[in-house]
Amino acid sequence: MTDSTLPARSQAVARALHEAGVTGEIVVLPDSARTAAEAAAALGCEVGAIANSLVFRCDGEPLLVMTSGAHRVDTAYLAAELGTGAITRAGADEVRAATGQAIGGVAPTGHPAPLRTVVDTALEGYEVLWAAAGHPHTVVPLTYGELLRVTGGTPSAVTKD
């Protein structure tokens, strides 16, 4: 699929991935992959290999958390790990303002400005990760190392488990 046939938001993600040296190609799914379970079913992979992009508010700023689809982020635990104030879920308008993308399609990159990012260390256990690519129907394969590189993220556990 060429960049010009991708949704506009996914084109921006493709450019950012290319600039970061990620070679995986964006895949357009026939159905929405708004949840980790939907994406895993469509891709035929474990739900834990889905790198969910969740946007929170932390110390007055957006915080992107790339978490395994097999986890729920424990915000109190994560705040303690990071040594920050409370972490709360961002609303849909805040997500779009921070990322330029809608919930269900938030990519790890391609945002209007870099976001403080945490990358779930549980994702390291998968050879190939799948992340949203700017639209609920687009995903991209990448490695844990590539995910850390494109986000500039801090590796951390996001839950006690």
Protein backbone atom coordinates (compact mmCIF):
# COMPACT_ATOMS: atom_id res chain seq x y z
CA MET A 1 0.00 0.00 0.00
CA THR A 2 1.41 3.37 -0.96
CA ASP A 3 1.31 6.36 1.33
CA SER A 4 -1.18 8.13 -0.92
CA THR A 5 -3.79 5.36 -0.50
CA LEU A 6 -3.63 5.49 3.30
CA PRO A 7 -5.93 7.68 5.40
CA ALA A 8 -4.38 11.14 5.95
CA ARG A 9 -3.50 10.51 9.61
CA SER A 10 -1.83 7.22 8.65
CA GLN A 11 0.21 9.01 5.98
CA ALA A 12 1.71 11.23 8.71
CA VAL A 13 2.45 8.13 10.79
CA ALA A 14 4.08 6.42 7.79
CA ARG A 15 6.36 9.43 7.26
CA ALA A 16 7.36 9.53 10.95
CA LEU A 17 8.05 5.78 10.96
CA HIS A 18 10.12 6.04 7.79
CA GLU A 19 12.12 8.95 9.22
CA ALA A 20 12.80 6.83 12.34
CA GLY A 21 14.07 3.94 10.20
CA VAL A 22 11.16 1.59 10.86
CA THR A 23 10.81 -0.71 7.86
CA GLY A 24 7.43 -2.30 8.71
CA GLU A 25 4.63 -1.35 6.35
CA ILE A 26 1.27 -0.04 7.52
CA VAL A 27 -1.51 -2.60 7.06
CA VAL A 28 -5.10 -1.54 6.40
CA LEU A 29 -7.58 -3.89 8.05
CA PRO A 30 -11.03 -4.46 6.57
CA ASP A 31 -12.68 -3.94 9.96
CA SER A 32 -11.99 -1.61 12.86
CA ALA A 33 -9.27 -2.61 15.32
CA ARG A 34 -10.22 -0.15 18.06
CA THR A 35 -9.53 -2.71 20.81
CA ALA A 36 -6.58 -5.00 21.42
CA ALA A 37 -8.86 -8.03 21.12
CA GLU A 38 -10.19 -6.87 17.73
CA ALA A 39 -6.68 -6.18 16.45
CA ALA A 40 -5.31 -9.51 17.70
CA ALA A 41 -8.18 -11.41 16.09
CA ALA A 42 -7.70 -9.61 12.77
CA LEU A 43 -3.92 -10.17 12.80
CA GLY A 44 -3.89 -13.70 14.20
CA CYS A 45 -1.55 -12.80 17.06
CA GLU A 46 -1.65 -12.87 20.85
CA VAL A 47 -3.49 -9.96 22.45
CA GLY A 48 -0.33 -9.23 24.46
CA ALA A 49 1.53 -8.39 21.22
CA ILE A 50 -0.83 -5.48 20.58
CA ALA A 51 0.84 -2.24 21.67
CA ASN A 52 -2.10 -0.15 22.87
CA SER A 53 -1.64 3.62 22.74
CA LEU A 54 -3.37 5.18 25.73
CA VAL A 55 -3.28 8.88 26.52
CA PHE A 56 -3.43 10.09 30.10
CA ARG A 57 -2.95 13.42 31.91
CA CYS A 58 0.04 13.65 34.24
CA ASP A 59 1.35 16.76 35.95
CA GLY A 60 -0.73 18.94 33.60
CA GLU A 61 0.62 17.37 30.41
CA PRO A 62 -0.42 14.49 28.13
CA LEU A 63 1.30 11.16 28.81
CA LEU A 64 1.27 8.45 26.15
CA VAL A 65 1.43 4.93 27.57
CA MET A 66 2.23 2.14 25.13
CA THR A 67 0.94 -0.92 26.95
CA SER A 68 0.51 -4.57 26.14
CA GLY A 69 -3.02 -5.45 25.09
CA ALA A 70 -2.93 -8.05 27.86
CA HIS A 71 -2.61 -5.34 30.56
CA ARG A 72 -4.67 -2.63 32.14
CA VAL A 73 -2.58 0.34 33.23
CA ASP A 74 -2.54 0.71 37.02
CA THR A 75 -2.31 4.50 37.15
CA ALA A 76 -1.45 4.67 40.87
CA TYR A 77 1.32 2.09 40.39
CA LEU A 78 2.66 3.88 37.30
CA ALA A 79 2.66 7.29 39.02
CA ALA A 80 4.66 5.77 41.89
CA GLU A 81 7.10 4.16 39.41
CA LEU A 82 7.58 7.46 37.58
CA GLY A 83 7.60 9.61 40.71
CA THR A 84 4.86 11.88 39.33
CA GLY A 85 1.57 13.30 40.45
CA ALA A 86 -1.68 11.49 39.78
CA ILE A 87 -2.23 9.98 36.33
CA THR A 88 -5.76 10.26 34.93
CA ARG A 89 -7.32 9.20 31.65
CA ALA A 90 -7.49 11.92 28.99
CA GLY A 91 -10.81 12.67 27.32
CA ALA A 92 -11.41 12.18 23.60
CA ASP A 93 -10.84 15.88 22.83
CA GLU A 94 -7.59 15.87 24.81
CA VAL A 95 -6.41 12.75 22.97
CA ARG A 96 -7.07 14.33 19.58
CA ALA A 97 -5.42 17.62 20.63
CA ALA A 98 -2.29 15.81 21.86
CA THR A 99 -1.95 13.27 19.05
CA GLY A 100 -3.93 14.57 16.08
CA GLN A 101 -5.56 11.12 16.06
CA ALA A 102 -8.83 9.65 17.34
CA ILE A 103 -9.12 7.12 20.16
CA GLY A 104 -8.87 3.65 18.63
CA GLY A 105 -6.30 4.71 16.07
CA VAL A 106 -3.64 6.49 18.14
CA ALA A 107 -0.20 5.62 16.83
CA PRO A 108 3.04 5.73 18.80
CA THR A 109 4.31 8.53 16.54
CA GLY A 110 3.13 11.07 13.95
CA HIS A 111 1.80 13.50 16.55
CA PRO A 112 1.89 17.30 16.22
CA ALA A 113 4.62 17.44 18.90
CA PRO A 114 6.58 14.77 20.80
CA LEU A 115 4.74 13.34 23.81
CA ARG A 116 6.20 12.10 27.05
CA THR A 117 5.87 8.33 26.61
CA VAL A 118 6.11 5.22 28.75
CA VAL A 119 6.55 1.83 27.06
CA ASP A 120 5.31 -1.25 28.93
CA THR A 121 8.23 -3.62 29.57
CA ALA A 122 5.84 -6.56 29.05
CA LEU A 123 5.94 -5.77 25.31
CA GLU A 124 9.61 -6.78 25.23
CA GLY A 125 8.55 -10.44 25.35
CA TYR A 126 7.12 -10.35 21.80
CA GLU A 127 9.21 -10.59 18.65
CA VAL A 128 6.71 -8.52 16.65
CA LEU A 129 4.39 -5.90 18.09
CA TRP A 130 1.41 -4.36 16.34
CA ALA A 131 0.46 -0.74 17.00
CA ALA A 132 -2.29 1.46 15.63
CA ALA A 133 -1.15 3.62 12.74
CA GLY A 134 -3.25 6.78 13.02
CA HIS A 135 -6.66 5.35 12.10
CA PRO A 136 -8.88 2.61 13.61
CA HIS A 137 -8.37 0.46 10.48
CA THR A 138 -4.58 0.77 10.24
CA VAL A 139 -1.82 -1.02 12.14
CA VAL A 140 1.95 -1.32 11.81
CA PRO A 141 4.38 -4.06 12.88
CA LEU A 142 7.45 -3.07 14.83
CA THR A 143 9.87 -4.43 17.38
CA TYR A 144 10.16 -3.39 21.01
CA GLY A 145 13.41 -1.59 20.22
CA GLU A 146 11.76 0.29 17.35
CA LEU A 147 8.86 1.25 19.61
CA LEU A 148 11.25 2.67 22.19
CA ARG A 149 13.16 4.53 19.47
CA VAL A 150 10.16 6.08 17.67
CA THR A 151 8.53 7.22 20.90
CA GLY A 152 11.66 8.20 22.82
CA GLY A 153 9.81 6.33 25.55
CA THR A 154 10.84 5.29 29.02
CA PRO A 155 10.57 1.52 29.62
CA SER A 156 8.47 0.73 32.72
CA ALA A 157 6.11 -1.84 34.13
CA VAL A 158 2.61 -0.35 34.02
CA THR A 159 1.03 -2.73 36.51
CA LYS A 160 2.17 -4.81 39.47
CA ASP A 161 1.45 -8.09 37.65
